[in-house]
Amino acid sequence: MHKLEREIILPARVETVWDFLATPRNLDRLTPPELSFEILGRVPREMHNGLLICYRIGIPFFGRWTWLTEIKHIVPGRSFVDEQRLGPYRFWYHSHRIEPLDDGRTRMRDQVDYCLPLGPLGELMHALLVKKMLQHIFDFRAEKLQEIFP
């Protein structure tokens, strides 16, 4: 099992950040273009517990994958989880948490617990590619959030 943790401070009120995060279509804006992210089907304007989002993503060296995510454990204005139901990982559990700071800014924390398939081969792929790829995705996401909430 692997873990990725990130924290970012955004110069925006928690309500504003939540409204952005709670809109499933905004996921596209936070995904690097080289991953060719594409939501399949319709999604509601705002997420809800049990929402299933199906999308296609291009993973370098591995081709295009269909990924089905369930949104769950929503605490409005504070947190939610996206958990892979079908996709490239053996296990993927991504917790998103936001909290207001005294100065009106927002702290956003992500924790992803994940495991790759294929046993030792999956671990080798993690060391060679996947860990760096996930770091790049979350770096891109942090940069985009700073642009969206300047």
C-alpha atoms as a PDB file:
ATOM      1  CA  MET A   1       0.000   0.000   0.000  1.00  0.00           C
ATOM      2  CA  HIS A   2       1.256   3.453  -0.896  1.00  0.00           C
ATOM      3  CA  LYS A   3       0.258   6.853   0.434  1.00  0.00           C
ATOM      4  CA  LEU A   4       0.391  10.295  -1.141  1.00  0.00           C
ATOM      5  CA  GLU A   5      -0.301  13.319   1.059  1.00  0.00           C
ATOM      6  CA  ARG A   6      -0.547  16.926  -0.048  1.00  0.00           C
ATOM      7  CA  GLU A   7      -1.516  20.196   1.583  1.00  0.00           C
ATOM      8  CA  ILE A   8      -2.085  23.575  -0.015  1.00  0.00           C
ATOM      9  CA  ILE A   9      -3.250  26.928   1.348  1.00  0.00           C
ATOM     10  CA  LEU A  10      -5.635  28.741  -0.973  1.00  0.00           C
ATOM     11  CA  PRO A  11      -6.372  32.468  -0.723  1.00  0.00           C
ATOM     12  CA  ALA A  12     -10.133  31.940  -0.859  1.00  0.00           C
ATOM     13  CA  ARG A  13     -12.932  31.316   1.603  1.00  0.00           C
ATOM     14  CA  VAL A  14     -13.791  27.700   2.364  1.00  0.00           C
ATOM     15  CA  GLU A  15     -17.284  28.084   0.840  1.00  0.00           C
ATOM     16  CA  THR A  16     -15.799  29.192  -2.483  1.00  0.00           C
ATOM     17  CA  VAL A  17     -13.307  26.324  -2.558  1.00  0.00           C
ATOM     18  CA  TRP A  18     -16.028  23.830  -1.626  1.00  0.00           C
ATOM     19  CA  ASP A  19     -18.329  25.060  -4.401  1.00  0.00           C
ATOM     20  CA  PHE A  20     -15.545  24.462  -6.901  1.00  0.00           C
ATOM     21  CA  LEU A  21     -14.611  21.013  -5.562  1.00  0.00           C
ATOM     22  CA  ALA A  22     -18.241  19.884  -5.304  1.00  0.00           C
ATOM     23  CA  THR A  23     -18.752  20.434  -9.050  1.00  0.00           C
ATOM     24  CA  PRO A  24     -17.701  17.201 -10.825  1.00  0.00           C
ATOM     25  CA  ARG A  25     -17.072  18.927 -14.172  1.00  0.00           C
ATOM     26  CA  ASN A  26     -14.238  20.924 -12.570  1.00  0.00           C
ATOM     27  CA  LEU A  27     -12.139  17.768 -12.306  1.00  0.00           C
ATOM     28  CA  ASP A  28     -11.153  18.299 -15.933  1.00  0.00           C
ATOM     29  CA  ARG A  29      -9.565  21.659 -15.050  1.00  0.00           C
ATOM     30  CA  LEU A  30      -7.357  20.006 -12.428  1.00  0.00           C
ATOM     31  CA  THR A  31      -6.025  17.200 -14.627  1.00  0.00           C
ATOM     32  CA  PRO A  32      -2.883  17.613 -16.760  1.00  0.00           C
ATOM     33  CA  PRO A  33      -3.787  17.807 -20.477  1.00  0.00           C
ATOM     34  CA  GLU A  34      -1.401  14.986 -21.417  1.00  0.00           C
ATOM     35  CA  LEU A  35      -3.701  12.559 -19.555  1.00  0.00           C
ATOM     36  CA  SER A  36      -6.510  13.247 -22.069  1.00  0.00           C
ATOM     37  CA  PHE A  37      -9.101  13.239 -19.290  1.00  0.00           C
ATOM     38  CA  GLU A  38     -12.679  12.761 -20.502  1.00  0.00           C
ATOM     39  CA  ILE A  39     -15.830  12.372 -18.416  1.00  0.00           C
ATOM     40  CA  LEU A  40     -18.107   9.765 -19.987  1.00  0.00           C
ATOM     41  CA  GLY A  41     -21.811  10.454 -19.721  1.00  0.00           C
ATOM     42  CA  ARG A  42     -23.606  13.111 -17.760  1.00  0.00           C
ATOM     43  CA  VAL A  43     -22.767  14.264 -14.269  1.00  0.00           C
ATOM     44  CA  PRO A  44     -24.879  16.448 -11.985  1.00  0.00           C
ATOM     45  CA  ARG A  45     -23.953  20.014 -11.237  1.00  0.00           C
ATOM     46  CA  GLU A  46     -23.081  19.064  -7.659  1.00  0.00           C
ATOM     47  CA  MET A  47     -21.739  15.805  -6.255  1.00  0.00           C
ATOM     48  CA  HIS A  48     -23.702  13.670  -3.816  1.00  0.00           C
ATOM     49  CA  ASN A  49     -23.043  10.538  -1.791  1.00  0.00           C
ATOM     50  CA  GLY A  50     -23.043   7.492  -4.030  1.00  0.00           C
ATOM     51  CA  LEU A  51     -22.402   9.466  -7.231  1.00  0.00           C
ATOM     52  CA  LEU A  52     -20.641   7.290  -9.794  1.00  0.00           C
ATOM     53  CA  ILE A  53     -18.425   9.151 -12.258  1.00  0.00           C
ATOM     54  CA  CYS A  54     -17.080   7.287 -15.254  1.00  0.00           C
ATOM     55  CA  TYR A  55     -14.209   8.789 -17.169  1.00  0.00           C
ATOM     56  CA  ARG A  56     -11.427   7.841 -19.516  1.00  0.00           C
ATOM     57  CA  ILE A  57      -7.835   8.754 -18.859  1.00  0.00           C
ATOM     58  CA  GLY A  58      -4.658   8.252 -20.859  1.00  0.00           C
ATOM     59  CA  ILE A  59      -1.777   6.843 -18.854  1.00  0.00           C
ATOM     60  CA  PRO A  60       1.645   7.182 -20.485  1.00  0.00           C
ATOM     61  CA  PHE A  61       3.023   3.788 -21.558  1.00  0.00           C
ATOM     62  CA  PHE A  62      -0.256   2.083 -20.520  1.00  0.00           C
ATOM     63  CA  GLY A  63      -2.807   3.467 -22.978  1.00  0.00           C
ATOM     64  CA  ARG A  64      -6.320   4.688 -22.257  1.00  0.00           C
ATOM     65  CA  TRP A  65      -8.219   3.391 -19.256  1.00  0.00           C
ATOM     66  CA  THR A  66     -11.814   3.630 -18.159  1.00  0.00           C
ATOM     67  CA  TRP A  67     -12.033   4.662 -14.531  1.00  0.00           C
ATOM     68  CA  LEU A  68     -15.189   4.460 -12.424  1.00  0.00           C
ATOM     69  CA  THR A  69     -15.152   6.458  -9.203  1.00  0.00           C
ATOM     70  CA  GLU A  70     -17.703   6.591  -6.407  1.00  0.00           C
ATOM     71  CA  ILE A  71     -18.080   9.790  -4.383  1.00  0.00           C
ATOM     72  CA  LYS A  72     -18.805   9.037  -0.747  1.00  0.00           C
ATOM     73  CA  HIS A  73     -18.505  10.155   2.872  1.00  0.00           C
ATOM     74  CA  ILE A  74     -19.418  13.747   1.991  1.00  0.00           C
ATOM     75  CA  VAL A  75     -19.361  16.231   4.844  1.00  0.00           C
ATOM     76  CA  PRO A  76     -20.700  19.351   3.093  1.00  0.00           C
ATOM     77  CA  GLY A  77     -18.233  22.207   3.110  1.00  0.00           C
ATOM     78  CA  ARG A  78     -15.503  20.057   4.663  1.00  0.00           C
ATOM     79  CA  SER A  79     -14.643  16.707   3.051  1.00  0.00           C
ATOM     80  CA  PHE A  80     -15.405  13.867   0.689  1.00  0.00           C
ATOM     81  CA  VAL A  81     -13.829  10.700  -0.653  1.00  0.00           C
ATOM     82  CA  ASP A  82     -13.469   9.396  -4.169  1.00  0.00           C
ATOM     83  CA  GLU A  83     -12.936   5.667  -4.321  1.00  0.00           C
ATOM     84  CA  GLN A  84     -12.094   3.710  -7.451  1.00  0.00           C
ATOM     85  CA  ARG A  85     -14.640   1.057  -8.381  1.00  0.00           C
ATOM     86  CA  LEU A  86     -13.022   0.140 -11.701  1.00  0.00           C
ATOM     87  CA  GLY A  87      -9.703   1.334 -13.074  1.00  0.00           C
ATOM     88  CA  PRO A  88      -5.956   0.952 -13.263  1.00  0.00           C
ATOM     89  CA  TYR A  89      -5.288   0.547  -9.534  1.00  0.00           C
ATOM     90  CA  ARG A  90      -5.974  -2.477  -7.390  1.00  0.00           C
ATOM     91  CA  PHE A  91      -7.059  -0.035  -4.665  1.00  0.00           C
ATOM     92  CA  TRP A  92      -7.572   3.764  -4.707  1.00  0.00           C
ATOM     93  CA  TYR A  93      -9.046   5.782  -1.826  1.00  0.00           C
ATOM     94  CA  HIS A  94      -8.666   9.555  -2.097  1.00  0.00           C
ATOM     95  CA  SER A  95      -9.745  11.720   0.833  1.00  0.00           C
ATOM     96  CA  HIS A  96     -10.238  15.464   0.240  1.00  0.00           C
ATOM     97  CA  ARG A  97     -10.449  17.761   3.270  1.00  0.00           C
ATOM     98  CA  ILE A  98     -10.744  21.527   3.485  1.00  0.00           C
ATOM     99  CA  GLU A  99     -10.810  23.761   6.513  1.00  0.00           C
ATOM    100  CA  PRO A 100     -11.127  27.506   7.025  1.00  0.00           C
ATOM    101  CA  LEU A 101      -8.182  29.430   8.415  1.00  0.00           C
ATOM    102  CA  ASP A 102      -8.584  32.439  10.695  1.00  0.00           C
ATOM    103  CA  ASP A 103      -7.406  34.851   7.991  1.00  0.00           C
ATOM    104  CA  GLY A 104     -10.111  33.799   5.488  1.00  0.00           C
ATOM    105  CA  ARG A 105      -7.908  31.415   3.511  1.00  0.00           C
ATOM    106  CA  THR A 106      -8.536  27.687   3.153  1.00  0.00           C
ATOM    107  CA  ARG A 107      -6.309  24.724   3.920  1.00  0.00           C
ATOM    108  CA  MET A 108      -6.853  21.833   1.525  1.00  0.00           C
ATOM    109  CA  ARG A 109      -5.494  18.384   2.360  1.00  0.00           C
ATOM    110  CA  ASP A 110      -5.435  15.325   0.151  1.00  0.00           C
ATOM    111  CA  GLN A 111      -4.558  11.816   1.175  1.00  0.00           C
ATOM    112  CA  VAL A 112      -4.490   9.035  -1.391  1.00  0.00           C
ATOM    113  CA  ASP A 113      -4.047   5.448  -0.276  1.00  0.00           C
ATOM    114  CA  TYR A 114      -3.431   3.224  -3.278  1.00  0.00           C
ATOM    115  CA  CYS A 115      -2.083  -0.115  -4.389  1.00  0.00           C
ATOM    116  CA  LEU A 116      -1.090  -1.234  -7.861  1.00  0.00           C
ATOM    117  CA  PRO A 117      -1.949  -4.569  -9.441  1.00  0.00           C
ATOM    118  CA  LEU A 118       0.560  -7.153 -10.658  1.00  0.00           C
ATOM    119  CA  GLY A 119       2.455  -7.708  -7.410  1.00  0.00           C
ATOM    120  CA  PRO A 120       6.230  -7.212  -7.806  1.00  0.00           C
ATOM    121  CA  LEU A 121       5.825  -5.920 -11.364  1.00  0.00           C
ATOM    122  CA  GLY A 122       3.352  -3.313 -10.091  1.00  0.00           C
ATOM    123  CA  GLU A 123       5.852  -2.283  -7.409  1.00  0.00           C
ATOM    124  CA  LEU A 124       8.565  -1.891 -10.040  1.00  0.00           C
ATOM    125  CA  MET A 125       6.220   0.240 -12.164  1.00  0.00           C
ATOM    126  CA  HIS A 126       5.458   2.328  -9.074  1.00  0.00           C
ATOM    127  CA  ALA A 127       9.137   2.992  -8.469  1.00  0.00           C
ATOM    128  CA  LEU A 128       9.899   3.745 -12.123  1.00  0.00           C
ATOM    129  CA  LEU A 129       6.776   5.654 -13.257  1.00  0.00           C
ATOM    130  CA  VAL A 130       3.658   5.761 -11.145  1.00  0.00           C
ATOM    131  CA  LYS A 131       5.009   7.603  -8.099  1.00  0.00           C
ATOM    132  CA  LYS A 132       6.470  10.367 -10.286  1.00  0.00           C
ATOM    133  CA  MET A 133       3.320  10.531 -12.397  1.00  0.00           C
ATOM    134  CA  LEU A 134       1.108  10.998  -9.326  1.00  0.00           C
ATOM    135  CA  GLN A 135       3.449  13.648  -7.952  1.00  0.00           C
ATOM    136  CA  HIS A 136       3.236  15.474 -11.295  1.00  0.00           C
ATOM    137  CA  ILE A 137      -0.580  15.260 -11.306  1.00  0.00           C
ATOM    138  CA  PHE A 138      -0.824  16.727  -7.803  1.00  0.00           C
ATOM    139  CA  ASP A 139       1.791  19.413  -8.603  1.00  0.00           C
ATOM    140  CA  PHE A 140      -0.264  20.389 -11.671  1.00  0.00           C
ATOM    141  CA  ARG A 141      -3.413  20.415  -9.552  1.00  0.00           C
ATOM    142  CA  ALA A 142      -1.811  22.717  -6.958  1.00  0.00           C
ATOM    143  CA  GLU A 143      -0.670  25.130  -9.678  1.00  0.00           C
ATOM    144  CA  LYS A 144      -4.136  25.193 -11.245  1.00  0.00           C
ATOM    145  CA  LEU A 145      -5.814  25.789  -7.893  1.00  0.00           C
ATOM    146  CA  GLN A 146      -3.463  28.726  -7.273  1.00  0.00           C
ATOM    147  CA  GLU A 147      -4.482  30.135 -10.686  1.00  0.00           C
ATOM    148  CA  ILE A 148      -8.196  29.598 -10.035  1.00  0.00           C
ATOM    149  CA  PHE A 149      -7.985  31.138  -6.557  1.00  0.00           C
ATOM    150  CA  PRO A 150      -5.311  33.857  -6.988  1.00  0.00           C
END
